[in-house]
Amino acid sequence: MLFTYGRFLSRQLVNTVTSDKLLYQLVSGLIKYQMVICYFLYIAGFVWFILTLKKKMYKYQFSQYAWTHMILLIVFVQSSFTVANIFEGIFWFLLPASLIVINDIAAYFFGFFFGRTPLIKLSPKKTWEGFIGALVTTMFSAFVLANLMGRFRWLTCPRKDLSTVWLHCDPGPMFKPEYYPLRVWVPEWFPWKEVPILPVQWHALALGLFASIIAPFGGFFASGFKRAFKFKDFGDSIPGHGGITDRMDCQMVMAVFAYIYHQSFVMPQSFSIEMILDQILRNLSFEEQQILYEQLGKIFQDRQAMLA
């Protein structure tokens, strides 16, 4: 947890404690040496595990060791991407999560009324008709929901620190409408001559495609896992639906893809003021930051003198 969440939340944590010099220096030091700290904590656990091995218990102990790593990978690592998506803007958490729910409901609806052809042996109730119907429904919903959610700054603004204040930011070009003419496609009497589309709506189609085609395999994986151990559900906290894990099997896969997609295709790749500030706060001490501030001030004064 210290490693996975720390990697994503280090910038927000530093921004939160900048007012207290001592706390800022402590947090900055922890973040700078976070990887070393986490590595040696893991090594300590590894050595402890080796020292506690007992005869006639080797197979059981190594199976528990493997289970521990499996849980860490499936639960903690993947859920940390969900947290990272929230701090990039609640939009990048809420939209992918909503698409999974819509796809699940649409697949059930179309499969119940039109399902004839089995889709996969792991889930006999899944049908091709439900799969295709859910694909069309999810793609349409992704395009529409992105337009609705993209209009609210509280959903689109990234969170820069760990405070709970109201969010205000420039939405950026991704959430500013672009107008497409309709003259070629509609008759003259039609009242709308152009349609506003947010650029993020095109990216939402990619999220919808993944939620429809790849994310369901998270559910198939869970189905195969349950069949292997001969139990119906992971839990019984939700009557008729099993437990929380039964509802979240596809969400984990979707969260990882949403984060990777945002970092690869949505987030600007060129250097920005925020990226440079992040590097300064992460890698320079408080005294070094003061020196940098003074040197920049001198540079600005020299340039103003030259312009005058």
C-alpha atoms as a PDB file:
ATOM      1  CA  MET A   1       0.000   0.000   0.000  1.00  0.00           C
ATOM      2  CA  LEU A   2       2.839   2.377   0.866  1.00  0.00           C
ATOM      3  CA  PHE A   3       4.434   1.763  -2.519  1.00  0.00           C
ATOM      4  CA  THR A   4       1.391   1.730  -4.814  1.00  0.00           C
ATOM      5  CA  TYR A   5      -0.572   4.600  -3.264  1.00  0.00           C
ATOM      6  CA  GLY A   6       2.568   6.573  -2.469  1.00  0.00           C
ATOM      7  CA  ARG A   7       3.619   6.593  -6.118  1.00  0.00           C
ATOM      8  CA  PHE A   8       0.318   8.144  -7.169  1.00  0.00           C
ATOM      9  CA  LEU A   9      -0.323  10.517  -4.257  1.00  0.00           C
ATOM     10  CA  SER A  10       3.181  11.895  -3.628  1.00  0.00           C
ATOM     11  CA  ARG A  11       2.527  15.195  -5.438  1.00  0.00           C
ATOM     12  CA  GLN A  12      -0.789  15.788  -3.677  1.00  0.00           C
ATOM     13  CA  LEU A  13       0.786  14.988  -0.309  1.00  0.00           C
ATOM     14  CA  VAL A  14       3.645  17.450  -0.855  1.00  0.00           C
ATOM     15  CA  ASN A  15       1.228  20.182  -1.971  1.00  0.00           C
ATOM     16  CA  THR A  16      -0.841  19.653   1.190  1.00  0.00           C
ATOM     17  CA  VAL A  17       2.020  20.203   3.677  1.00  0.00           C
ATOM     18  CA  THR A  18       3.867  23.105   2.005  1.00  0.00           C
ATOM     19  CA  SER A  19       2.783  25.556   4.755  1.00  0.00           C
ATOM     20  CA  ASP A  20       4.661  23.669   7.510  1.00  0.00           C
ATOM     21  CA  LYS A  21       8.442  23.677   6.914  1.00  0.00           C
ATOM     22  CA  LEU A  22       9.304  20.787   9.260  1.00  0.00           C
ATOM     23  CA  LEU A  23       6.460  18.575   8.039  1.00  0.00           C
ATOM     24  CA  TYR A  24       7.276  19.489   4.436  1.00  0.00           C
ATOM     25  CA  GLN A  25      10.917  18.402   4.875  1.00  0.00           C
ATOM     26  CA  LEU A  26       9.810  15.148   6.537  1.00  0.00           C
ATOM     27  CA  VAL A  27       7.299  14.294   3.789  1.00  0.00           C
ATOM     28  CA  SER A  28       9.735  15.283   1.026  1.00  0.00           C
ATOM     29  CA  GLY A  29      12.377  12.979   2.506  1.00  0.00           C
ATOM     30  CA  LEU A  30       9.927  10.081   2.771  1.00  0.00           C
ATOM     31  CA  ILE A  31       8.857  10.554  -0.848  1.00  0.00           C
ATOM     32  CA  LYS A  32      12.437  10.844  -2.095  1.00  0.00           C
ATOM     33  CA  TYR A  33      13.417   7.544  -0.453  1.00  0.00           C
ATOM     34  CA  GLN A  34      10.028   5.876  -0.783  1.00  0.00           C
ATOM     35  CA  MET A  35      11.205   3.150  -3.160  1.00  0.00           C
ATOM     36  CA  VAL A  36      14.159   2.221  -0.926  1.00  0.00           C
ATOM     37  CA  ILE A  37      11.938   2.134   2.172  1.00  0.00           C
ATOM     38  CA  CYS A  38       9.325  -0.042   0.461  1.00  0.00           C
ATOM     39  CA  TYR A  39      11.949  -2.392  -0.975  1.00  0.00           C
ATOM     40  CA  PHE A  40      13.604  -3.068   2.377  1.00  0.00           C
ATOM     41  CA  LEU A  41      10.223  -3.486   4.077  1.00  0.00           C
ATOM     42  CA  TYR A  42       9.430  -6.148   1.484  1.00  0.00           C
ATOM     43  CA  ILE A  43      12.870  -7.762   1.939  1.00  0.00           C
ATOM     44  CA  ALA A  44      12.289  -7.850   5.708  1.00  0.00           C
ATOM     45  CA  GLY A  45       9.045  -9.745   5.120  1.00  0.00           C
ATOM     46  CA  PHE A  46      10.772 -12.068   2.664  1.00  0.00           C
ATOM     47  CA  VAL A  47      13.573 -12.892   5.133  1.00  0.00           C
ATOM     48  CA  TRP A  48      11.023 -13.369   7.917  1.00  0.00           C
ATOM     49  CA  PHE A  49       9.104 -15.807   5.711  1.00  0.00           C
ATOM     50  CA  ILE A  50      12.244 -17.869   5.007  1.00  0.00           C
ATOM     51  CA  LEU A  51      13.169 -17.984   8.701  1.00  0.00           C
ATOM     52  CA  THR A  52       9.710 -19.263   9.679  1.00  0.00           C
ATOM     53  CA  LEU A  53       9.621 -22.210   7.233  1.00  0.00           C
ATOM     54  CA  LYS A  54       8.926 -25.522   8.982  1.00  0.00           C
ATOM     55  CA  LYS A  55       9.192 -29.130   7.916  1.00  0.00           C
ATOM     56  CA  LYS A  56       5.992 -30.744   6.613  1.00  0.00           C
ATOM     57  CA  MET A  57       4.562 -27.224   6.201  1.00  0.00           C
ATOM     58  CA  TYR A  58       6.557 -26.099   3.155  1.00  0.00           C
ATOM     59  CA  LYS A  59       3.780 -26.622   0.608  1.00  0.00           C
ATOM     60  CA  TYR A  60       1.178 -24.845   2.741  1.00  0.00           C
ATOM     61  CA  GLN A  61       3.501 -21.936   3.578  1.00  0.00           C
ATOM     62  CA  PHE A  62       4.566 -21.389  -0.033  1.00  0.00           C
ATOM     63  CA  SER A  63       0.928 -21.551  -1.186  1.00  0.00           C
ATOM     64  CA  GLN A  64       0.081 -18.840   1.359  1.00  0.00           C
ATOM     65  CA  TYR A  65       3.055 -16.803   0.124  1.00  0.00           C
ATOM     66  CA  ALA A  66       1.739 -17.100  -3.452  1.00  0.00           C
ATOM     67  CA  TRP A  67      -1.796 -16.173  -2.315  1.00  0.00           C
ATOM     68  CA  THR A  68      -0.444 -13.065  -0.605  1.00  0.00           C
ATOM     69  CA  HIS A  69       1.181 -11.847  -3.826  1.00  0.00           C
ATOM     70  CA  MET A  70      -1.926 -12.714  -5.826  1.00  0.00           C
ATOM     71  CA  ILE A  71      -4.102 -10.610  -3.496  1.00  0.00           C
ATOM     72  CA  LEU A  72      -1.639  -7.713  -3.607  1.00  0.00           C
ATOM     73  CA  LEU A  73      -1.632  -7.762  -7.415  1.00  0.00           C
ATOM     74  CA  ILE A  74      -5.386  -8.176  -7.922  1.00  0.00           C
ATOM     75  CA  VAL A  75      -6.627  -5.923  -5.103  1.00  0.00           C
ATOM     76  CA  PHE A  76      -4.096  -3.313  -4.001  1.00  0.00           C
ATOM     77  CA  VAL A  77      -2.252  -2.635  -7.261  1.00  0.00           C
ATOM     78  CA  GLN A  78      -5.394  -2.404  -9.378  1.00  0.00           C
ATOM     79  CA  SER A  79      -7.378  -0.404  -6.814  1.00  0.00           C
ATOM     80  CA  SER A  80      -4.546   2.130  -6.587  1.00  0.00           C
ATOM     81  CA  PHE A  81      -5.224   2.970 -10.238  1.00  0.00           C
ATOM     82  CA  THR A  82      -8.796   3.821  -9.243  1.00  0.00           C
ATOM     83  CA  VAL A  83      -7.481   6.330  -6.690  1.00  0.00           C
ATOM     84  CA  ALA A  84      -5.106   7.765  -9.306  1.00  0.00           C
ATOM     85  CA  ASN A  85      -8.026   8.238 -11.724  1.00  0.00           C
ATOM     86  CA  ILE A  86      -9.998  10.161  -9.086  1.00  0.00           C
ATOM     87  CA  PHE A  87      -7.131  12.613  -8.559  1.00  0.00           C
ATOM     88  CA  GLU A  88      -6.873  13.160 -12.328  1.00  0.00           C
ATOM     89  CA  GLY A  89     -10.511  14.265 -12.189  1.00  0.00           C
ATOM     90  CA  ILE A  90     -13.578  12.404 -10.922  1.00  0.00           C
ATOM     91  CA  PHE A  91     -14.663  12.220 -14.568  1.00  0.00           C
ATOM     92  CA  TRP A  92     -11.944   9.603 -15.219  1.00  0.00           C
ATOM     93  CA  PHE A  93     -13.289   7.440 -12.398  1.00  0.00           C
ATOM     94  CA  LEU A  94     -17.037   7.972 -12.752  1.00  0.00           C
ATOM     95  CA  LEU A  95     -17.322   7.515 -16.531  1.00  0.00           C
ATOM     96  CA  PRO A  96     -15.435   4.173 -16.780  1.00  0.00           C
ATOM     97  CA  ALA A  97     -17.239   2.836 -13.689  1.00  0.00           C
ATOM     98  CA  SER A  98     -20.620   3.882 -15.148  1.00  0.00           C
ATOM     99  CA  LEU A  99     -19.831   2.196 -18.470  1.00  0.00           C
ATOM    100  CA  ILE A 100     -19.166  -1.118 -16.704  1.00  0.00           C
ATOM    101  CA  VAL A 101     -22.522  -0.900 -14.915  1.00  0.00           C
ATOM    102  CA  ILE A 102     -24.346   0.024 -18.143  1.00  0.00           C
ATOM    103  CA  ASN A 103     -22.662  -2.801 -20.052  1.00  0.00           C
ATOM    104  CA  ASP A 104     -23.581  -5.313 -17.340  1.00  0.00           C
ATOM    105  CA  ILE A 105     -27.237  -4.237 -17.279  1.00  0.00           C
ATOM    106  CA  ALA A 106     -27.523  -4.082 -21.087  1.00  0.00           C
ATOM    107  CA  ALA A 107     -25.927  -7.534 -21.487  1.00  0.00           C
ATOM    108  CA  TYR A 108     -28.463  -8.985 -19.025  1.00  0.00           C
ATOM    109  CA  PHE A 109     -31.389  -7.207 -20.726  1.00  0.00           C
ATOM    110  CA  PHE A 110     -30.523  -8.221 -24.308  1.00  0.00           C
ATOM    111  CA  GLY A 111     -29.497 -11.712 -23.237  1.00  0.00           C
ATOM    112  CA  PHE A 112     -32.736 -12.253 -21.323  1.00  0.00           C
ATOM    113  CA  PHE A 113     -35.032 -11.166 -24.171  1.00  0.00           C
ATOM    114  CA  PHE A 114     -33.025 -12.071 -27.291  1.00  0.00           C
ATOM    115  CA  GLY A 115     -30.300 -14.471 -26.141  1.00  0.00           C
ATOM    116  CA  ARG A 116     -30.011 -17.674 -28.156  1.00  0.00           C
ATOM    117  CA  THR A 117     -26.305 -18.300 -28.864  1.00  0.00           C
ATOM    118  CA  PRO A 118     -23.951 -19.148 -25.949  1.00  0.00           C
ATOM    119  CA  LEU A 119     -20.904 -16.898 -25.699  1.00  0.00           C
ATOM    120  CA  ILE A 120     -18.451 -18.717 -23.407  1.00  0.00           C
ATOM    121  CA  LYS A 121     -18.527 -22.000 -21.495  1.00  0.00           C
ATOM    122  CA  LEU A 122     -17.401 -20.404 -18.217  1.00  0.00           C
ATOM    123  CA  SER A 123     -20.677 -18.429 -18.070  1.00  0.00           C
ATOM    124  CA  PRO A 124     -23.467 -20.458 -19.733  1.00  0.00           C
ATOM    125  CA  LYS A 125     -25.982 -17.615 -19.324  1.00  0.00           C
ATOM    126  CA  LYS A 126     -23.850 -15.198 -21.386  1.00  0.00           C
ATOM    127  CA  THR A 127     -24.950 -14.961 -25.029  1.00  0.00           C
ATOM    128  CA  TRP A 128     -23.675 -13.347 -28.215  1.00  0.00           C
ATOM    129  CA  GLU A 129     -26.909 -11.383 -28.521  1.00  0.00           C
ATOM    130  CA  GLY A 130     -26.413  -9.916 -25.057  1.00  0.00           C
ATOM    131  CA  PHE A 131     -22.753  -9.202 -25.798  1.00  0.00           C
ATOM    132  CA  ILE A 132     -23.463  -7.327 -29.050  1.00  0.00           C
ATOM    133  CA  GLY A 133     -26.463  -5.480 -27.623  1.00  0.00           C
ATOM    134  CA  ALA A 134     -24.403  -4.367 -24.651  1.00  0.00           C
ATOM    135  CA  LEU A 135     -21.609  -3.208 -26.986  1.00  0.00           C
ATOM    136  CA  VAL A 136     -23.927  -0.893 -28.946  1.00  0.00           C
ATOM    137  CA  THR A 137     -25.616   0.412 -25.785  1.00  0.00           C
ATOM    138  CA  THR A 138     -22.323   1.083 -24.015  1.00  0.00           C
ATOM    139  CA  MET A 139     -20.785   2.912 -26.982  1.00  0.00           C
ATOM    140  CA  PHE A 140     -23.821   5.178 -27.277  1.00  0.00           C
ATOM    141  CA  SER A 141     -23.906   5.771 -23.516  1.00  0.00           C
ATOM    142  CA  ALA A 142     -20.180   6.595 -23.449  1.00  0.00           C
ATOM    143  CA  PHE A 143     -20.607   9.297 -26.084  1.00  0.00           C
ATOM    144  CA  VAL A 144     -23.623  10.865 -24.347  1.00  0.00           C
ATOM    145  CA  LEU A 145     -22.363  10.586 -20.741  1.00  0.00           C
ATOM    146  CA  ALA A 146     -19.002  12.132 -21.650  1.00  0.00           C
ATOM    147  CA  ASN A 147     -20.830  15.196 -22.957  1.00  0.00           C
ATOM    148  CA  LEU A 148     -22.966  15.488 -19.809  1.00  0.00           C
ATOM    149  CA  MET A 149     -20.183  14.884 -17.280  1.00  0.00           C
ATOM    150  CA  GLY A 150     -17.687  17.014 -19.189  1.00  0.00           C
ATOM    151  CA  ARG A 151     -19.761  20.151 -18.517  1.00  0.00           C
ATOM    152  CA  PHE A 152     -19.166  20.087 -14.733  1.00  0.00           C
ATOM    153  CA  ARG A 153     -15.838  21.442 -13.491  1.00  0.00           C
ATOM    154  CA  TRP A 154     -16.187  19.566 -10.224  1.00  0.00           C
ATOM    155  CA  LEU A 155     -15.950  16.366 -12.274  1.00  0.00           C
ATOM    156  CA  THR A 156     -13.242  17.418 -14.734  1.00  0.00           C
ATOM    157  CA  CYS A 157     -10.779  19.384 -12.565  1.00  0.00           C
ATOM    158  CA  PRO A 158      -7.854  17.365 -11.166  1.00  0.00           C
ATOM    159  CA  ARG A 159      -7.205  17.420  -7.445  1.00  0.00           C
ATOM    160  CA  LYS A 160      -3.777  18.924  -6.737  1.00  0.00           C
ATOM    161  CA  ASP A 161      -3.682  18.235  -2.992  1.00  0.00           C
ATOM    162  CA  LEU A 162      -5.502  16.269  -0.278  1.00  0.00           C
ATOM    163  CA  SER A 163      -7.816  19.109   0.796  1.00  0.00           C
ATOM    164  CA  THR A 164     -11.599  19.088   0.430  1.00  0.00           C
ATOM    165  CA  VAL A 165     -12.077  22.601  -0.985  1.00  0.00           C
ATOM    166  CA  TRP A 166     -14.240  23.204  -4.052  1.00  0.00           C
ATOM    167  CA  LEU A 167     -12.457  22.686  -7.365  1.00  0.00           C
ATOM    168  CA  HIS A 168     -11.850  25.532  -9.820  1.00  0.00           C
ATOM    169  CA  CYS A 169      -9.722  25.194 -12.936  1.00  0.00           C
ATOM    170  CA  ASP A 170      -9.488  25.864 -16.641  1.00  0.00           C
ATOM    171  CA  PRO A 171     -11.197  22.809 -18.151  1.00  0.00           C
ATOM    172  CA  GLY A 172      -8.665  22.699 -20.969  1.00  0.00           C
ATOM    173  CA  PRO A 173      -9.283  21.972 -24.656  1.00  0.00           C
ATOM    174  CA  MET A 174     -10.440  18.412 -23.937  1.00  0.00           C
ATOM    175  CA  PHE A 175     -13.618  19.717 -22.247  1.00  0.00           C
ATOM    176  CA  LYS A 176     -14.333  22.727 -24.482  1.00  0.00           C
ATOM    177  CA  PRO A 177     -16.964  22.121 -27.185  1.00  0.00           C
ATOM    178  CA  GLU A 178     -16.071  22.047 -30.853  1.00  0.00           C
ATOM    179  CA  TYR A 179     -18.886  22.794 -33.314  1.00  0.00           C
ATOM    180  CA  TYR A 180     -19.511  20.526 -36.305  1.00  0.00           C
ATOM    181  CA  PRO A 181     -21.812  21.754 -39.138  1.00  0.00           C
ATOM    182  CA  LEU A 182     -24.867  19.667 -40.022  1.00  0.00           C
ATOM    183  CA  ARG A 183     -25.788  21.289 -43.349  1.00  0.00           C
ATOM    184  CA  VAL A 184     -24.685  18.296 -45.392  1.00  0.00           C
ATOM    185  CA  TRP A 185     -26.561  15.785 -43.245  1.00  0.00           C
ATOM    186  CA  VAL A 186     -29.881  17.509 -42.428  1.00  0.00           C
ATOM    187  CA  PRO A 187     -32.567  19.290 -44.515  1.00  0.00           C
ATOM    188  CA  GLU A 188     -32.816  23.090 -44.658  1.00  0.00           C
ATOM    189  CA  TRP A 189     -35.842  23.289 -42.365  1.00  0.00           C
ATOM    190  CA  PHE A 190     -33.997  21.507 -39.532  1.00  0.00           C
ATOM    191  CA  PRO A 191     -33.506  24.033 -36.651  1.00  0.00           C
ATOM    192  CA  TRP A 192     -29.987  22.895 -35.635  1.00  0.00           C
ATOM    193  CA  LYS A 193     -27.282  23.879 -38.118  1.00  0.00           C
ATOM    194  CA  GLU A 194     -24.360  22.636 -36.009  1.00  0.00           C
ATOM    195  CA  VAL A 195     -23.773  20.287 -33.096  1.00  0.00           C
ATOM    196  CA  PRO A 196     -21.359  20.870 -30.167  1.00  0.00           C
ATOM    197  CA  ILE A 197     -19.096  17.907 -29.349  1.00  0.00           C
ATOM    198  CA  LEU A 198     -16.465  17.777 -26.622  1.00  0.00           C
ATOM    199  CA  PRO A 199     -13.147  16.261 -27.782  1.00  0.00           C
ATOM    200  CA  VAL A 200     -13.256  13.965 -24.750  1.00  0.00           C
ATOM    201  CA  GLN A 201     -16.325  12.281 -26.257  1.00  0.00           C
ATOM    202  CA  TRP A 202     -14.120  10.633 -28.894  1.00  0.00           C
ATOM    203  CA  HIS A 203     -11.890   9.282 -26.146  1.00  0.00           C
ATOM    204  CA  ALA A 204     -15.003   8.060 -24.331  1.00  0.00           C
ATOM    205  CA  LEU A 205     -15.705   5.790 -27.313  1.00  0.00           C
ATOM    206  CA  ALA A 206     -12.389   4.021 -26.677  1.00  0.00           C
ATOM    207  CA  LEU A 207     -13.355   3.548 -23.028  1.00  0.00           C
ATOM    208  CA  GLY A 208     -16.753   2.221 -24.110  1.00  0.00           C
ATOM    209  CA  LEU A 209     -15.145  -0.220 -26.537  1.00  0.00           C
ATOM    210  CA  PHE A 210     -12.851  -1.575 -23.825  1.00  0.00           C
ATOM    211  CA  ALA A 211     -15.711  -1.774 -21.301  1.00  0.00           C
ATOM    212  CA  SER A 212     -17.727  -3.828 -23.812  1.00  0.00           C
ATOM    213  CA  ILE A 213     -15.100  -6.187 -25.264  1.00  0.00           C
ATOM    214  CA  ILE A 214     -12.226  -6.615 -22.774  1.00  0.00           C
ATOM    215  CA  ALA A 215     -13.583  -5.718 -19.315  1.00  0.00           C
ATOM    216  CA  PRO A 216     -16.170  -8.571 -19.300  1.00  0.00           C
ATOM    217  CA  PHE A 217     -13.236 -10.986 -19.280  1.00  0.00           C
ATOM    218  CA  GLY A 218     -12.610  -9.816 -15.714  1.00  0.00           C
ATOM    219  CA  GLY A 219     -16.007 -11.298 -14.940  1.00  0.00           C
ATOM    220  CA  PHE A 220     -15.176 -14.470 -16.865  1.00  0.00           C
ATOM    221  CA  PHE A 221     -11.948 -14.765 -14.869  1.00  0.00           C
ATOM    222  CA  ALA A 222     -13.939 -14.483 -11.635  1.00  0.00           C
ATOM    223  CA  SER A 223     -16.442 -17.077 -12.890  1.00  0.00           C
ATOM    224  CA  GLY A 224     -13.653 -19.528 -13.684  1.00  0.00           C
ATOM    225  CA  PHE A 225     -12.073 -18.893 -10.291  1.00  0.00           C
ATOM    226  CA  LYS A 226     -15.338 -19.589  -8.469  1.00  0.00           C
ATOM    227  CA  ARG A 227     -15.932 -22.761 -10.474  1.00  0.00           C
ATOM    228  CA  ALA A 228     -12.415 -23.986  -9.702  1.00  0.00           C
ATOM    229  CA  PHE A 229     -13.171 -23.813  -5.961  1.00  0.00           C
ATOM    230  CA  LYS A 230     -16.815 -24.888  -6.344  1.00  0.00           C
ATOM    231  CA  PHE A 231     -18.626 -21.936  -4.820  1.00  0.00           C
ATOM    232  CA  LYS A 232     -21.292 -19.702  -6.327  1.00  0.00           C
ATOM    233  CA  ASP A 233     -20.348 -16.219  -5.093  1.00  0.00           C
ATOM    234  CA  PHE A 234     -17.471 -14.501  -3.315  1.00  0.00           C
ATOM    235  CA  GLY A 235     -19.818 -13.274  -0.588  1.00  0.00           C
ATOM    236  CA  ASP A 236     -23.452 -12.680   0.373  1.00  0.00           C
ATOM    237  CA  SER A 237     -23.523  -9.000   1.404  1.00  0.00           C
ATOM    238  CA  ILE A 238     -25.740  -8.070  -1.607  1.00  0.00           C
ATOM    239  CA  PRO A 239     -28.850 -10.305  -1.730  1.00  0.00           C
ATOM    240  CA  GLY A 240     -29.183 -11.964  -5.125  1.00  0.00           C
ATOM    241  CA  HIS A 241     -25.854 -10.596  -6.384  1.00  0.00           C
ATOM    242  CA  GLY A 242     -23.258 -12.156  -4.066  1.00  0.00           C
ATOM    243  CA  GLY A 243     -20.639  -9.943  -2.449  1.00  0.00           C
ATOM    244  CA  ILE A 244     -18.785  -6.727  -3.260  1.00  0.00           C
ATOM    245  CA  THR A 245     -16.095  -8.655  -5.164  1.00  0.00           C
ATOM    246  CA  ASP A 246     -18.752 -10.149  -7.454  1.00  0.00           C
ATOM    247  CA  ARG A 247     -19.755  -6.614  -8.489  1.00  0.00           C
ATOM    248  CA  MET A 248     -16.199  -5.303  -8.837  1.00  0.00           C
ATOM    249  CA  ASP A 249     -14.576  -8.016 -10.972  1.00  0.00           C
ATOM    250  CA  CYS A 250     -14.772  -5.941 -14.176  1.00  0.00           C
ATOM    251  CA  GLN A 251     -14.190  -2.582 -12.482  1.00  0.00           C
ATOM    252  CA  MET A 252     -10.579  -3.399 -11.598  1.00  0.00           C
ATOM    253  CA  VAL A 253      -9.624  -4.193 -15.188  1.00  0.00           C
ATOM    254  CA  MET A 254     -11.380  -1.041 -16.371  1.00  0.00           C
ATOM    255  CA  ALA A 255      -9.657   1.199 -13.809  1.00  0.00           C
ATOM    256  CA  VAL A 256      -6.183   0.155 -14.961  1.00  0.00           C
ATOM    257  CA  PHE A 257      -7.057   0.731 -18.625  1.00  0.00           C
ATOM    258  CA  ALA A 258      -8.631   4.136 -17.893  1.00  0.00           C
ATOM    259  CA  TYR A 259      -5.458   5.297 -16.125  1.00  0.00           C
ATOM    260  CA  ILE A 260      -3.103   3.994 -18.834  1.00  0.00           C
ATOM    261  CA  TYR A 261      -5.281   5.463 -21.591  1.00  0.00           C
ATOM    262  CA  HIS A 262      -5.448   8.858 -19.852  1.00  0.00           C
ATOM    263  CA  GLN A 263      -1.677   8.982 -19.359  1.00  0.00           C
ATOM    264  CA  SER A 264      -0.941   7.828 -22.930  1.00  0.00           C
ATOM    265  CA  PHE A 265      -3.518   9.615 -25.087  1.00  0.00           C
ATOM    266  CA  VAL A 266      -5.208  12.363 -23.051  1.00  0.00           C
ATOM    267  CA  MET A 267      -2.611  13.897 -20.740  1.00  0.00           C
ATOM    268  CA  PRO A 268      -0.313  16.379 -22.555  1.00  0.00           C
ATOM    269  CA  GLN A 269       3.083  14.782 -23.206  1.00  0.00           C
ATOM    270  CA  SER A 270       5.057  18.013 -23.517  1.00  0.00           C
ATOM    271  CA  PHE A 271       6.555  19.818 -20.525  1.00  0.00           C
ATOM    272  CA  SER A 272       4.097  21.961 -18.620  1.00  0.00           C
ATOM    273  CA  ILE A 273       4.320  24.303 -15.636  1.00  0.00           C
ATOM    274  CA  GLU A 274       2.640  21.672 -13.452  1.00  0.00           C
ATOM    275  CA  MET A 275       5.130  18.970 -14.448  1.00  0.00           C
ATOM    276  CA  ILE A 276       8.131  21.244 -13.777  1.00  0.00           C
ATOM    277  CA  LEU A 277       6.700  22.319 -10.407  1.00  0.00           C
ATOM    278  CA  ASP A 278       6.095  18.692  -9.536  1.00  0.00           C
ATOM    279  CA  GLN A 279       9.762  17.862 -10.229  1.00  0.00           C
ATOM    280  CA  ILE A 280      10.921  20.870  -8.193  1.00  0.00           C
ATOM    281  CA  LEU A 281       8.770  19.931  -5.182  1.00  0.00           C
ATOM    282  CA  ARG A 282       9.734  16.279  -5.429  1.00  0.00           C
ATOM    283  CA  ASN A 283      13.507  16.551  -5.956  1.00  0.00           C
ATOM    284  CA  LEU A 284      14.719  19.871  -4.471  1.00  0.00           C
ATOM    285  CA  SER A 285      15.071  20.672  -0.796  1.00  0.00           C
ATOM    286  CA  PHE A 286      13.406  23.747   0.713  1.00  0.00           C
ATOM    287  CA  GLU A 287      16.701  25.682   0.645  1.00  0.00           C
ATOM    288  CA  GLU A 288      17.326  24.714  -3.004  1.00  0.00           C
ATOM    289  CA  GLN A 289      13.838  25.884  -3.914  1.00  0.00           C
ATOM    290  CA  GLN A 290      14.541  29.263  -2.263  1.00  0.00           C
ATOM    291  CA  ILE A 291      17.791  29.594  -4.257  1.00  0.00           C
ATOM    292  CA  LEU A 292      15.916  28.755  -7.462  1.00  0.00           C
ATOM    293  CA  TYR A 293      13.261  31.356  -6.607  1.00  0.00           C
ATOM    294  CA  GLU A 294      15.904  34.054  -6.032  1.00  0.00           C
ATOM    295  CA  GLN A 295      17.751  33.204  -9.266  1.00  0.00           C
ATOM    296  CA  LEU A 296      14.536  33.335 -11.291  1.00  0.00           C
ATOM    297  CA  GLY A 297      13.771  36.712  -9.714  1.00  0.00           C
ATOM    298  CA  LYS A 298      17.159  38.055 -10.818  1.00  0.00           C
ATOM    299  CA  ILE A 299      16.628  36.736 -14.352  1.00  0.00           C
ATOM    300  CA  PHE A 300      13.234  38.462 -14.566  1.00  0.00           C
ATOM    301  CA  GLN A 301      14.681  41.745 -13.241  1.00  0.00           C
ATOM    302  CA  ASP A 302      17.501  41.648 -15.824  1.00  0.00           C
ATOM    303  CA  ARG A 303      15.021  41.019 -18.648  1.00  0.00           C
ATOM    304  CA  GLN A 304      12.764  43.855 -17.505  1.00  0.00           C
ATOM    305  CA  ALA A 305      15.788  46.187 -17.378  1.00  0.00           C
ATOM    306  CA  MET A 306      16.757  45.205 -20.937  1.00  0.00           C
ATOM    307  CA  LEU A 307      13.223  45.810 -22.215  1.00  0.00           C
ATOM    308  CA  ALA A 308      13.045  49.183 -20.476  1.00  0.00           C
END
